N, C-alpha and C. Protein backbone atom coordinates (compact mmCIF):
# COMPACT_ATOMS: atom_id res chain seq x y z
N MET A 1 0.88 -1.06 -0.14
CA MET A 1 0.06 0.04 -0.11
C MET A 1 0.88 1.15 -0.10
N ASN A 2 0.53 2.12 -0.98
CA ASN A 2 1.46 3.42 -0.98
C ASN A 2 1.00 4.42 0.51
N ILE A 3 2.33 4.67 0.76
CA ILE A 3 2.53 5.03 2.34
C ILE A 3 1.91 6.28 2.50
N ASN A 4 1.77 7.44 1.12
CA ASN A 4 0.95 8.36 1.27
C ASN A 4 -0.20 8.65 1.45
N LYS A 5 -0.58 7.28 0.78
CA LYS A 5 -2.48 7.23 0.86
C LYS A 5 -2.48 6.72 2.23
N LEU A 6 -1.89 5.76 2.61
CA LEU A 6 -2.16 5.76 4.50
C LEU A 6 -1.96 7.09 5.24
N ILE A 7 -0.87 7.58 5.10
CA ILE A 7 -1.07 8.78 5.97
C ILE A 7 -2.13 9.78 5.35
N LEU A 8 -2.23 9.90 4.44
CA LEU A 8 -3.57 10.66 4.09
C LEU A 8 -4.63 10.05 4.41
N GLY A 9 -5.02 9.10 4.39
CA GLY A 9 -6.36 8.40 4.86
C GLY A 9 -6.20 8.54 6.64
N PHE A 10 -5.16 8.30 7.32
CA PHE A 10 -4.94 8.47 9.03
C PHE A 10 -5.50 9.67 9.30
N PHE A 11 -5.04 11.08 8.47
CA PHE A 11 -5.28 12.63 9.02
C PHE A 11 -6.61 12.78 8.53
N VAL A 12 -7.33 12.20 7.39
CA VAL A 12 -8.86 12.08 7.14
C VAL A 12 -9.66 11.77 8.44
N PHE A 13 -9.16 10.13 8.93
CA PHE A 13 -9.95 9.55 9.85
C PHE A 13 -9.58 10.61 11.02
N PHE A 14 -8.44 11.01 11.59
CA PHE A 14 -8.32 11.51 12.76
C PHE A 14 -8.83 12.85 12.87
N SER A 15 -8.92 13.65 11.67
CA SER A 15 -9.62 14.77 11.91
C SER A 15 -11.33 14.72 11.98
N ALA A 16 -11.86 13.64 11.51
CA ALA A 16 -12.96 13.46 11.17
C ALA A 16 -13.71 13.17 12.88
N THR A 17 -12.66 12.67 13.43
CA THR A 17 -12.86 12.01 15.00
C THR A 17 -12.97 13.11 16.26
N LEU A 18 -11.72 13.85 15.56
CA LEU A 18 -11.79 14.90 16.63
C LEU A 18 -12.99 15.80 16.95
N PRO A 19 -13.09 15.98 18.45
CA PRO A 19 -14.28 16.53 18.54
C PRO A 19 -14.52 18.36 18.22
N VAL A 20 -15.71 18.78 17.93
CA VAL A 20 -15.66 20.16 17.43
C VAL A 20 -15.21 21.18 18.41
N ALA A 21 -14.11 21.91 18.16
CA ALA A 21 -13.74 22.80 19.36
C ALA A 21 -14.61 23.96 19.48
N ALA A 22 -14.89 23.81 20.63
CA ALA A 22 -15.64 25.18 21.22
C ALA A 22 -14.83 26.49 21.16
N HIS A 23 -15.54 27.59 20.72
CA HIS A 23 -14.60 28.71 20.46
C HIS A 23 -14.39 29.40 21.76
N GLU A 24 -13.73 28.96 22.58
CA GLU A 24 -13.26 29.31 23.61
C GLU A 24 -12.12 29.37 24.12
N ALA A 25 -11.32 30.37 24.83
CA ALA A 25 -9.89 30.21 25.39
C ALA A 25 -10.10 30.43 27.13
N LYS A 26 -9.30 29.64 27.63
CA LYS A 26 -8.91 29.54 29.10
C LYS A 26 -7.41 29.79 29.40
N TYR A 27 -7.50 30.59 30.86
CA TYR A 27 -6.11 31.16 31.16
C TYR A 27 -6.34 31.10 32.78
N ALA A 28 -5.36 30.52 33.39
CA ALA A 28 -5.14 30.13 34.60
C ALA A 28 -3.83 30.73 35.32
N ALA A 29 -4.09 30.76 36.59
CA ALA A 29 -2.88 31.30 37.43
C ALA A 29 -2.97 30.66 38.81
N PRO A 30 -2.07 30.51 39.61
CA PRO A 30 -2.01 30.43 40.79
C PRO A 30 -2.10 31.67 41.65
N LEU A 31 -2.89 31.92 43.08
CA LEU A 31 -2.78 32.95 43.52
C LEU A 31 -1.58 33.02 44.70
N LEU A 32 -0.62 33.83 44.72
CA LEU A 32 0.27 34.05 45.86
C LEU A 32 0.59 35.34 46.26
N GLY A 33 1.15 35.62 47.75
CA GLY A 33 1.69 36.43 47.85
C GLY A 33 3.04 37.14 47.12
N SER A 34 3.69 36.31 46.75
CA SER A 34 4.87 36.63 46.21
C SER A 34 4.52 36.88 44.92
N SER A 35 3.67 36.89 44.25
CA SER A 35 2.95 37.45 42.69
C SER A 35 2.81 39.02 42.91
N GLU A 36 2.45 39.55 44.10
CA GLU A 36 2.07 40.84 44.19
C GLU A 36 3.20 41.60 43.64
N VAL A 37 2.93 42.91 43.61
CA VAL A 37 4.09 44.12 43.02
C VAL A 37 3.67 45.26 43.76
N PRO A 38 4.54 45.43 45.05
CA PRO A 38 5.73 44.50 45.61
C PRO A 38 5.05 43.44 46.15
N ALA A 39 5.88 42.36 46.42
CA ALA A 39 5.47 41.15 47.08
C ALA A 39 4.72 41.33 48.56
N SER A 40 3.99 40.42 48.68
CA SER A 40 3.32 40.52 49.89
C SER A 40 3.93 39.23 50.94
N ALA A 41 4.00 39.34 52.08
CA ALA A 41 4.35 38.27 52.95
C ALA A 41 3.55 37.09 53.54
N SER A 42 1.97 37.57 52.77
CA SER A 42 1.18 36.66 53.07
C SER A 42 1.59 35.26 52.76
N PRO A 43 0.80 34.06 53.81
CA PRO A 43 1.23 32.75 53.31
C PRO A 43 -0.17 32.10 52.85
N ALA A 44 -0.98 32.73 52.44
CA ALA A 44 -2.44 32.60 51.71
C ALA A 44 -1.99 32.03 50.24
N SER A 45 -2.94 31.30 49.72
CA SER A 45 -2.84 30.64 48.42
C SER A 45 -4.13 30.32 47.55
N GLY A 46 -4.35 30.22 46.47
CA GLY A 46 -5.43 30.15 45.81
C GLY A 46 -5.02 29.72 44.31
N SER A 47 -5.94 29.90 43.62
CA SER A 47 -5.98 29.39 41.74
C SER A 47 -7.28 29.85 41.34
N VAL A 48 -7.05 30.43 40.13
CA VAL A 48 -8.17 30.94 39.39
C VAL A 48 -8.10 30.52 37.71
N LEU A 49 -9.13 30.29 37.28
CA LEU A 49 -9.46 29.78 35.99
C LEU A 49 -10.23 30.71 35.41
N VAL A 50 -9.90 31.44 34.12
CA VAL A 50 -10.63 32.22 33.51
C VAL A 50 -11.03 31.74 32.13
N THR A 51 -12.53 31.66 31.55
CA THR A 51 -12.81 31.23 30.74
C THR A 51 -13.72 32.16 29.53
N ILE A 52 -13.02 32.22 28.69
CA ILE A 52 -13.73 33.14 27.39
C ILE A 52 -14.27 32.33 26.50
N ASP A 53 -15.80 32.71 26.22
CA ASP A 53 -16.27 31.97 25.20
C ASP A 53 -16.80 33.07 24.26
N PHE A 54 -16.25 32.57 22.98
CA PHE A 54 -16.37 33.82 21.93
C PHE A 54 -17.55 33.85 21.09
N ASP A 55 -18.31 32.61 21.35
CA ASP A 55 -20.02 32.63 20.75
C ASP A 55 -20.88 33.16 21.52
N LEU A 56 -20.53 33.13 22.77
CA LEU A 56 -21.63 33.48 23.93
C LEU A 56 -20.99 35.26 24.21
N VAL A 57 -19.90 35.37 24.20
CA VAL A 57 -19.23 36.58 24.78
C VAL A 57 -19.37 36.71 26.02
N THR A 58 -19.05 35.53 26.82
CA THR A 58 -18.92 35.50 28.20
C THR A 58 -17.43 35.53 28.75
N MET A 59 -17.32 35.50 30.17
CA MET A 59 -16.00 35.41 30.86
C MET A 59 -16.58 34.84 31.99
N ARG A 60 -16.09 33.18 32.33
CA ARG A 60 -16.32 32.50 33.69
C ARG A 60 -15.05 32.83 34.62
N ILE A 61 -15.50 32.84 35.43
CA ILE A 61 -14.34 33.32 36.71
C ILE A 61 -14.66 31.98 37.86
N GLU A 62 -13.61 31.38 38.01
CA GLU A 62 -13.64 30.35 39.10
C GLU A 62 -12.58 30.50 39.69
N ALA A 63 -12.56 30.65 40.98
CA ALA A 63 -11.29 31.04 41.93
C ALA A 63 -11.36 30.27 43.17
N ASN A 64 -10.62 30.04 43.78
CA ASN A 64 -10.45 29.47 45.29
C ASN A 64 -9.49 29.97 46.15
N PHE A 65 -9.55 30.44 47.26
CA PHE A 65 -8.54 30.60 48.06
C PHE A 65 -8.75 30.71 49.46
N SER A 66 -7.63 30.57 50.56
CA SER A 66 -7.41 30.25 51.97
C SER A 66 -6.42 31.06 52.39
N ASP A 67 -6.35 30.76 53.76
CA ASP A 67 -5.18 31.48 54.63
C ASP A 67 -5.13 32.71 54.60
N LEU A 68 -5.74 33.50 53.80
CA LEU A 68 -5.61 35.12 53.85
C LEU A 68 -5.55 35.72 55.52
N LEU A 69 -4.44 36.59 55.35
CA LEU A 69 -4.06 37.34 56.57
C LEU A 69 -5.39 38.28 56.89
N GLY A 70 -5.69 38.93 55.97
CA GLY A 70 -6.86 40.06 55.90
C GLY A 70 -8.32 39.60 55.53
N ASN A 71 -9.16 40.18 55.42
CA ASN A 71 -10.51 40.06 54.88
C ASN A 71 -10.64 40.24 53.89
N VAL A 72 -11.32 39.98 52.63
CA VAL A 72 -11.23 40.10 51.29
C VAL A 72 -12.46 41.42 51.34
N THR A 73 -11.63 42.37 50.42
CA THR A 73 -12.55 43.69 50.55
C THR A 73 -12.75 43.88 48.87
N ALA A 74 -11.75 43.31 47.83
CA ALA A 74 -12.30 42.94 46.43
C ALA A 74 -11.48 42.01 45.89
N ALA A 75 -12.09 41.76 44.51
CA ALA A 75 -11.38 41.04 43.47
C ALA A 75 -11.72 41.51 42.17
N HIS A 76 -10.76 41.45 41.25
CA HIS A 76 -11.01 41.68 39.85
C HIS A 76 -9.68 41.33 39.02
N ILE A 77 -9.76 41.62 37.99
CA ILE A 77 -8.75 41.66 36.94
C ILE A 77 -8.28 42.64 36.49
N HIS A 78 -6.92 42.79 36.46
CA HIS A 78 -6.42 44.14 36.15
C HIS A 78 -5.72 43.63 34.66
N CYS A 79 -5.41 44.91 33.73
CA CYS A 79 -5.07 44.58 32.41
C CYS A 79 -4.95 46.13 31.74
N CYS A 80 -3.73 46.07 31.05
CA CYS A 80 -3.05 45.22 30.02
C CYS A 80 -1.62 45.98 30.59
N ILE A 81 -0.76 44.91 30.81
CA ILE A 81 0.63 45.66 31.37
C ILE A 81 1.55 44.27 31.46
N ASP A 82 2.84 44.70 31.17
CA ASP A 82 3.92 43.59 31.34
C ASP A 82 3.95 43.00 32.75
N PRO A 83 4.43 41.80 32.76
CA PRO A 83 4.57 41.07 34.32
C PRO A 83 5.42 42.34 35.17
N GLY A 84 5.43 42.31 36.40
CA GLY A 84 6.28 43.07 37.45
C GLY A 84 5.80 44.43 37.55
N SER A 85 4.60 44.43 36.97
CA SER A 85 4.13 46.27 37.00
C SER A 85 2.62 46.16 37.45
N ASN A 86 2.05 47.07 37.71
CA ASN A 86 0.93 47.38 38.42
C ASN A 86 0.09 48.13 37.06
N VAL A 87 -1.13 47.92 37.14
CA VAL A 87 -2.00 48.84 36.20
C VAL A 87 -3.69 48.94 36.95
N GLY A 88 -4.34 49.49 36.14
CA GLY A 88 -5.83 49.63 36.46
C GLY A 88 -6.74 48.22 36.23
N VAL A 89 -7.54 48.39 37.10
CA VAL A 89 -8.72 47.47 36.82
C VAL A 89 -9.54 47.85 35.60
N ALA A 90 -9.55 46.25 34.68
CA ALA A 90 -10.32 46.17 33.63
C ALA A 90 -11.71 45.61 33.84
N THR A 91 -12.10 44.68 34.72
CA THR A 91 -13.32 44.57 35.16
C THR A 91 -14.21 45.17 36.20
N GLN A 92 -15.19 44.58 36.49
CA GLN A 92 -16.32 45.15 37.73
C GLN A 92 -15.35 45.79 38.73
N LEU A 93 -15.77 47.02 39.16
CA LEU A 93 -15.39 47.53 40.45
C LEU A 93 -16.64 47.83 41.61
N PRO A 94 -16.22 47.72 42.65
CA PRO A 94 -15.06 47.53 43.03
C PRO A 94 -14.88 46.23 43.44
N SER A 95 -15.45 45.18 42.93
CA SER A 95 -15.35 43.86 43.06
C SER A 95 -16.33 43.02 42.35
N PHE A 96 -16.32 41.79 41.57
CA PHE A 96 -16.97 40.69 40.94
C PHE A 96 -18.16 40.55 41.72
N THR A 97 -19.23 40.76 41.21
CA THR A 97 -20.24 40.32 41.43
C THR A 97 -20.37 39.01 42.14
N GLY A 98 -21.05 39.41 43.82
CA GLY A 98 -20.83 37.82 44.55
C GLY A 98 -19.74 37.52 45.04
N PHE A 99 -18.70 38.13 44.75
CA PHE A 99 -17.45 37.75 45.17
C PHE A 99 -17.34 37.65 46.53
N PRO A 100 -16.89 36.73 47.50
CA PRO A 100 -17.19 36.59 49.09
C PRO A 100 -16.48 37.57 49.55
N LEU A 101 -16.88 38.52 50.36
CA LEU A 101 -16.12 39.45 50.92
C LEU A 101 -16.22 39.27 52.56
N GLY A 102 -15.18 39.94 52.89
CA GLY A 102 -15.06 39.65 54.54
C GLY A 102 -15.01 38.50 55.16
N VAL A 103 -14.24 37.74 54.12
CA VAL A 103 -13.77 36.22 54.59
C VAL A 103 -12.19 35.91 54.11
N THR A 104 -11.54 34.92 55.09
CA THR A 104 -10.22 34.94 54.55
C THR A 104 -9.89 33.46 53.84
N ALA A 105 -11.12 32.97 53.29
CA ALA A 105 -11.25 31.65 52.57
C ALA A 105 -12.54 31.66 51.91
N GLY A 106 -12.37 30.78 50.69
CA GLY A 106 -13.69 30.82 49.92
C GLY A 106 -13.49 30.39 48.47
N THR A 107 -14.57 30.43 47.83
CA THR A 107 -14.59 30.03 46.43
C THR A 107 -15.52 30.87 45.49
N TYR A 108 -15.33 30.71 44.27
CA TYR A 108 -16.02 31.54 43.43
C TYR A 108 -16.55 31.22 42.14
N ASP A 109 -17.30 31.35 41.73
CA ASP A 109 -17.60 31.11 39.94
C ASP A 109 -18.92 31.70 39.48
N HIS A 110 -18.60 32.46 38.63
CA HIS A 110 -19.51 33.36 38.16
C HIS A 110 -19.18 33.66 36.64
N THR A 111 -20.22 33.53 35.67
CA THR A 111 -20.17 33.99 34.49
C THR A 111 -20.82 35.42 33.88
N PHE A 112 -19.85 36.21 33.65
CA PHE A 112 -20.22 37.34 33.50
C PHE A 112 -20.47 37.49 31.75
N ASP A 113 -21.53 38.05 31.29
CA ASP A 113 -21.66 38.59 29.96
C ASP A 113 -20.79 39.90 29.68
N MET A 114 -19.99 39.79 28.89
CA MET A 114 -18.88 40.56 28.18
C MET A 114 -19.79 41.57 27.35
N ALA A 115 -20.30 41.80 26.90
CA ALA A 115 -21.37 42.73 25.81
C ALA A 115 -21.91 43.59 26.50
N LEU A 116 -22.05 43.50 28.12
CA LEU A 116 -22.47 44.57 28.73
C LEU A 116 -21.54 45.36 29.34
N ALA A 117 -21.64 46.87 29.30
CA ALA A 117 -20.97 47.74 30.16
C ALA A 117 -20.52 47.29 31.40
N SER A 118 -21.55 46.60 32.33
CA SER A 118 -21.69 46.48 33.54
C SER A 118 -20.68 45.37 33.97
N SER A 119 -20.14 44.88 33.12
CA SER A 119 -18.91 43.82 33.24
C SER A 119 -17.48 44.59 33.40
N TYR A 120 -17.23 45.81 33.19
CA TYR A 120 -16.00 46.45 32.98
C TYR A 120 -16.08 47.62 34.05
N ASN A 121 -14.81 48.04 34.07
CA ASN A 121 -14.50 49.50 34.72
C ASN A 121 -14.71 50.14 33.64
N PRO A 122 -15.50 51.39 33.92
CA PRO A 122 -15.96 52.44 32.87
C PRO A 122 -14.60 53.02 32.08
N ALA A 123 -13.61 53.23 33.28
CA ALA A 123 -12.38 53.90 32.83
C ALA A 123 -11.55 52.84 31.64
N PHE A 124 -11.64 51.50 31.96
CA PHE A 124 -10.93 50.70 31.16
C PHE A 124 -11.95 50.63 29.48
N VAL A 125 -13.03 51.07 29.71
CA VAL A 125 -13.75 51.16 28.34
C VAL A 125 -13.51 52.53 27.96
N THR A 126 -13.24 53.45 28.39
CA THR A 126 -12.98 54.74 27.88
C THR A 126 -11.49 54.59 27.25
N SER A 127 -10.64 54.11 27.99
CA SER A 127 -9.16 54.11 27.39
C SER A 127 -8.81 53.25 26.76
N HIS A 128 -9.58 52.43 26.10
CA HIS A 128 -9.70 51.27 25.13
C HIS A 128 -10.62 51.30 24.10
N GLY A 129 -10.80 52.42 23.43
CA GLY A 129 -11.51 53.07 22.30
C GLY A 129 -12.76 53.36 22.52
N GLY A 130 -13.44 53.31 23.90
CA GLY A 130 -14.77 53.92 24.15
C GLY A 130 -15.68 52.79 24.12
N LEU A 131 -15.73 51.75 23.24
CA LEU A 131 -16.81 50.87 23.12
C LEU A 131 -16.44 49.56 23.70
N ILE A 132 -17.86 48.81 24.25
CA ILE A 132 -17.45 47.44 24.87
C ILE A 132 -16.67 46.63 23.85
N SER A 133 -17.14 46.36 22.76
CA SER A 133 -16.25 45.58 21.65
C SER A 133 -14.73 45.66 21.76
N THR A 134 -14.37 46.91 21.70
CA THR A 134 -12.96 47.34 21.82
C THR A 134 -12.13 46.99 23.26
N ALA A 135 -12.99 47.35 24.13
CA ALA A 135 -12.72 46.90 25.57
C ALA A 135 -12.49 45.22 25.73
N PHE A 136 -13.17 44.50 25.21
CA PHE A 136 -13.31 43.04 25.31
C PHE A 136 -12.26 42.81 24.51
N ASN A 137 -12.04 43.18 23.36
CA ASN A 137 -10.90 42.94 22.44
C ASN A 137 -9.35 42.97 23.25
N ASP A 138 -9.49 44.02 23.47
CA ASP A 138 -8.16 44.35 24.40
C ASP A 138 -7.97 43.61 25.49
N LEU A 139 -8.88 43.09 26.05
CA LEU A 139 -9.10 42.40 27.43
C LEU A 139 -8.52 40.88 26.95
N VAL A 140 -9.16 40.46 26.11
CA VAL A 140 -8.57 39.28 25.63
C VAL A 140 -7.10 39.13 25.02
N ALA A 141 -6.86 40.45 24.38
CA ALA A 141 -5.33 40.48 23.71
C ALA A 141 -4.47 40.59 24.81
N GLY A 142 -4.96 41.38 26.14
CA GLY A 142 -3.99 41.23 27.38
C GLY A 142 -3.98 39.63 28.04
N LEU A 143 -4.87 38.99 27.84
CA LEU A 143 -5.06 37.57 28.59
C LEU A 143 -3.92 36.67 27.67
N ASP A 144 -4.27 36.76 26.55
CA ASP A 144 -3.53 36.04 25.34
C ASP A 144 -1.95 36.22 25.58
N ALA A 145 -1.38 37.57 25.77
CA ALA A 145 -0.43 38.19 25.90
C ALA A 145 0.34 37.79 27.20
N GLY A 146 -0.34 37.46 28.13
CA GLY A 146 0.21 37.46 29.43
C GLY A 146 0.41 38.53 30.45
N LYS A 147 -0.42 39.57 30.01
CA LYS A 147 -0.50 41.03 30.32
C LYS A 147 -1.72 41.31 31.56
N ALA A 148 -2.31 40.09 31.88
CA ALA A 148 -3.36 40.71 32.71
C ALA A 148 -3.14 39.46 34.12
N TYR A 149 -3.78 40.03 35.20
CA TYR A 149 -3.63 39.49 36.31
C TYR A 149 -4.62 39.45 37.03
N PHE A 150 -5.02 38.58 38.07
CA PHE A 150 -6.20 38.46 39.00
C PHE A 150 -5.60 38.88 40.35
N ASN A 151 -6.24 39.86 40.79
CA ASN A 151 -6.17 40.32 42.35
C ASN A 151 -7.00 40.28 43.22
N LEU A 152 -6.57 39.88 44.39
CA LEU A 152 -7.43 39.68 45.91
C LEU A 152 -6.69 40.54 46.45
N HIS A 153 -7.69 41.60 46.84
CA HIS A 153 -7.30 42.75 47.90
C HIS A 153 -7.98 42.41 49.42
N THR A 154 -7.34 42.55 50.31
CA THR A 154 -7.81 42.28 51.76
C THR A 154 -7.79 43.73 52.56
N ASN A 155 -8.08 44.00 53.71
CA ASN A 155 -7.85 44.90 54.65
C ASN A 155 -6.55 44.93 55.23
N ALA A 156 -5.70 43.97 55.05
CA ALA A 156 -4.49 43.86 55.84
C ALA A 156 -3.54 44.21 54.59
N PHE A 157 -4.14 43.92 53.16
CA PHE A 157 -3.27 44.71 52.31
C PHE A 157 -4.12 44.96 51.05
N PRO A 158 -4.18 46.52 51.49
CA PRO A 158 -5.44 47.06 50.55
C PRO A 158 -4.99 46.99 48.61
N GLY A 159 -3.63 47.01 48.50
CA GLY A 159 -3.14 46.97 47.22
C GLY A 159 -3.08 45.51 46.64
N GLY A 160 -3.46 44.54 47.49
CA GLY A 160 -3.46 43.32 47.04
C GLY A 160 -2.78 42.05 47.75
N GLU A 161 -3.41 41.27 48.24
CA GLU A 161 -2.61 40.36 49.16
C GLU A 161 -2.06 39.03 48.50
N ILE A 162 -2.93 38.64 47.54
CA ILE A 162 -2.64 37.65 46.24
C ILE A 162 -3.13 37.95 45.03
N ARG A 163 -1.88 37.65 43.96
CA ARG A 163 -2.10 37.64 42.94
C ARG A 163 -1.80 36.81 41.69
N GLY A 164 -2.49 36.47 40.79
CA GLY A 164 -1.95 35.62 39.63
C GLY A 164 -1.84 36.33 38.40
N LEU A 165 -0.98 35.88 37.81
CA LEU A 165 -0.53 36.49 36.19
C LEU A 165 -1.27 35.46 35.49
N LEU A 166 -2.17 35.68 34.84
CA LEU A 166 -3.20 34.61 33.95
C LEU A 166 -2.27 34.43 32.69
N SER A 167 -2.29 33.10 32.33
CA SER A 167 -1.65 32.37 31.37
C SER A 167 -2.49 31.82 30.74
N PRO A 168 -2.02 31.52 29.42
CA PRO A 168 -3.22 30.61 28.26
C PRO A 168 -3.05 29.21 28.90
N VAL A 169 -4.08 28.18 28.48
CA VAL A 169 -4.20 27.15 28.75
C VAL A 169 -4.35 26.57 27.62
N PRO A 170 -3.20 25.60 27.04
CA PRO A 170 -3.55 24.97 26.12
C PRO A 170 -4.42 23.62 25.78
N GLU A 171 -5.04 23.72 24.71
CA GLU A 171 -6.58 22.94 24.51
C GLU A 171 -5.88 21.64 24.15
N PRO A 172 -6.89 20.58 24.86
CA PRO A 172 -6.20 19.04 24.53
C PRO A 172 -6.10 18.95 23.04
N GLU A 173 -6.78 19.46 21.98
CA GLU A 173 -6.56 19.21 20.87
C GLU A 173 -5.21 19.45 20.62
N SER A 174 -4.74 20.52 20.91
CA SER A 174 -3.14 20.91 20.57
C SER A 174 -2.50 19.54 20.94
N TYR A 175 -2.55 18.89 21.92
CA TYR A 175 -1.94 17.95 22.39
C TYR A 175 -1.97 16.51 21.54
N ALA A 176 -3.39 16.47 21.02
CA ALA A 176 -3.88 15.32 20.12
C ALA A 176 -3.26 15.70 18.92
N LEU A 177 -2.82 16.83 18.37
CA LEU A 177 -2.04 17.07 17.16
C LEU A 177 -1.08 16.85 17.23
N LEU A 178 -0.47 17.08 18.35
CA LEU A 178 1.23 16.69 18.33
C LEU A 178 1.38 15.53 18.42
N LEU A 179 0.73 14.94 19.03
CA LEU A 179 0.90 13.17 19.24
C LEU A 179 0.71 12.78 17.74
N ALA A 180 -0.26 13.01 16.85
CA ALA A 180 -0.80 12.69 15.64
C ALA A 180 0.75 12.96 14.63
N GLY A 181 1.22 14.26 14.98
CA GLY A 181 2.43 14.48 14.23
C GLY A 181 3.62 13.57 14.63
N LEU A 182 3.52 13.29 15.94
CA LEU A 182 4.55 12.38 16.31
C LEU A 182 4.68 10.81 15.62
N GLY A 183 3.29 10.50 15.25
CA GLY A 183 3.10 9.29 14.68
C GLY A 183 3.49 9.20 13.51
N VAL A 184 3.25 10.51 12.65
CA VAL A 184 3.50 10.43 11.45
C VAL A 184 4.93 10.45 11.18
N LEU A 185 5.68 11.34 12.09
CA LEU A 185 7.52 11.05 12.19
C LEU A 185 7.63 9.53 12.01
N THR A 186 7.10 8.67 13.09
CA THR A 186 7.52 7.48 13.37
C THR A 186 6.92 6.55 12.04
N LEU A 187 5.93 6.63 11.33
CA LEU A 187 5.86 6.26 10.03
C LEU A 187 7.06 5.99 8.98
N PHE A 188 7.32 7.51 8.96
CA PHE A 188 8.46 7.75 8.12
C PHE A 188 9.73 7.43 8.46
N ALA A 189 9.96 7.32 9.60
CA ALA A 189 11.11 7.03 10.22
C ALA A 189 11.41 5.56 9.73
N ARG A 190 10.31 4.73 10.09
CA ARG A 190 10.28 3.27 9.84
C ARG A 190 10.17 2.99 8.33
N ARG A 191 9.58 3.62 7.66
CA ARG A 191 9.74 3.51 6.29
C ARG A 191 11.02 3.90 5.81
N ASN A 192 11.83 4.78 6.07
CA ASN A 192 13.02 4.85 5.66
C ASN A 192 14.06 3.87 6.10
N LYS A 193 13.72 3.36 7.19
CA LYS A 193 14.91 2.53 7.64
C LYS A 193 14.66 1.00 7.05
N ARG A 194 13.65 0.66 6.66
CA ARG A 194 13.15 -0.39 5.57
C ARG A 194 13.85 -0.03 4.37
N GLU A 195 13.52 0.97 3.70
CA GLU A 195 14.21 1.40 2.50
C GLU A 195 15.83 1.23 2.57
N THR A 196 16.33 1.56 3.53
CA THR A 196 17.67 1.47 3.77
C THR A 196 18.16 0.23 4.10
N ALA A 197 17.65 -0.68 5.03
CA ALA A 197 17.80 -2.16 4.96
C ALA A 197 17.48 -2.81 3.72
N HIS A 198 16.90 -2.54 2.65
CA HIS A 198 16.52 -3.35 1.47
C HIS A 198 17.17 -2.81 0.61
N GLY A 199 17.61 -1.49 0.32
CA GLY A 199 18.37 -1.00 -0.81
C GLY A 199 19.58 -1.04 -0.76
């Protein structure tokens, strides 16, 4: 059997069996005092996962935190600046709707409609083209570039007790395509080895 037809058949089969990818992007970060600028001495920790759904124009925030030295006063996403710096808030002020305040530990899971002005800091919209669409695009660009961070503020650390620089999370399909590519390389290597042995 012709190896090229085999490879073509493999790719056709493989692409047909892949699930239809959702139009979404995920960003994650550990929440630590050492990530604050300047760093805080807090022993607290946590994690955050941000999921942007481009079809629904939503942003889901899933966060957890514990062992804070102060009580939570606010939590939001800041954007857009290089790591190691501070910048203004991009999302709701003073805090995400329903975020647990006045506590030292908790969890949060909320989905925001990013087509609504109420999901943003008005100053962020103004400084990013004055439109919700440009603010959304710039927020996503900041997340993609690693220039946005989740900040959790407390009364003990008004500037932020724990922070996480949000980074893109690779999609499972990316790993599947990588494995498929490695499989093709293996096929070619075996074919070349056989041809060399018989030639």
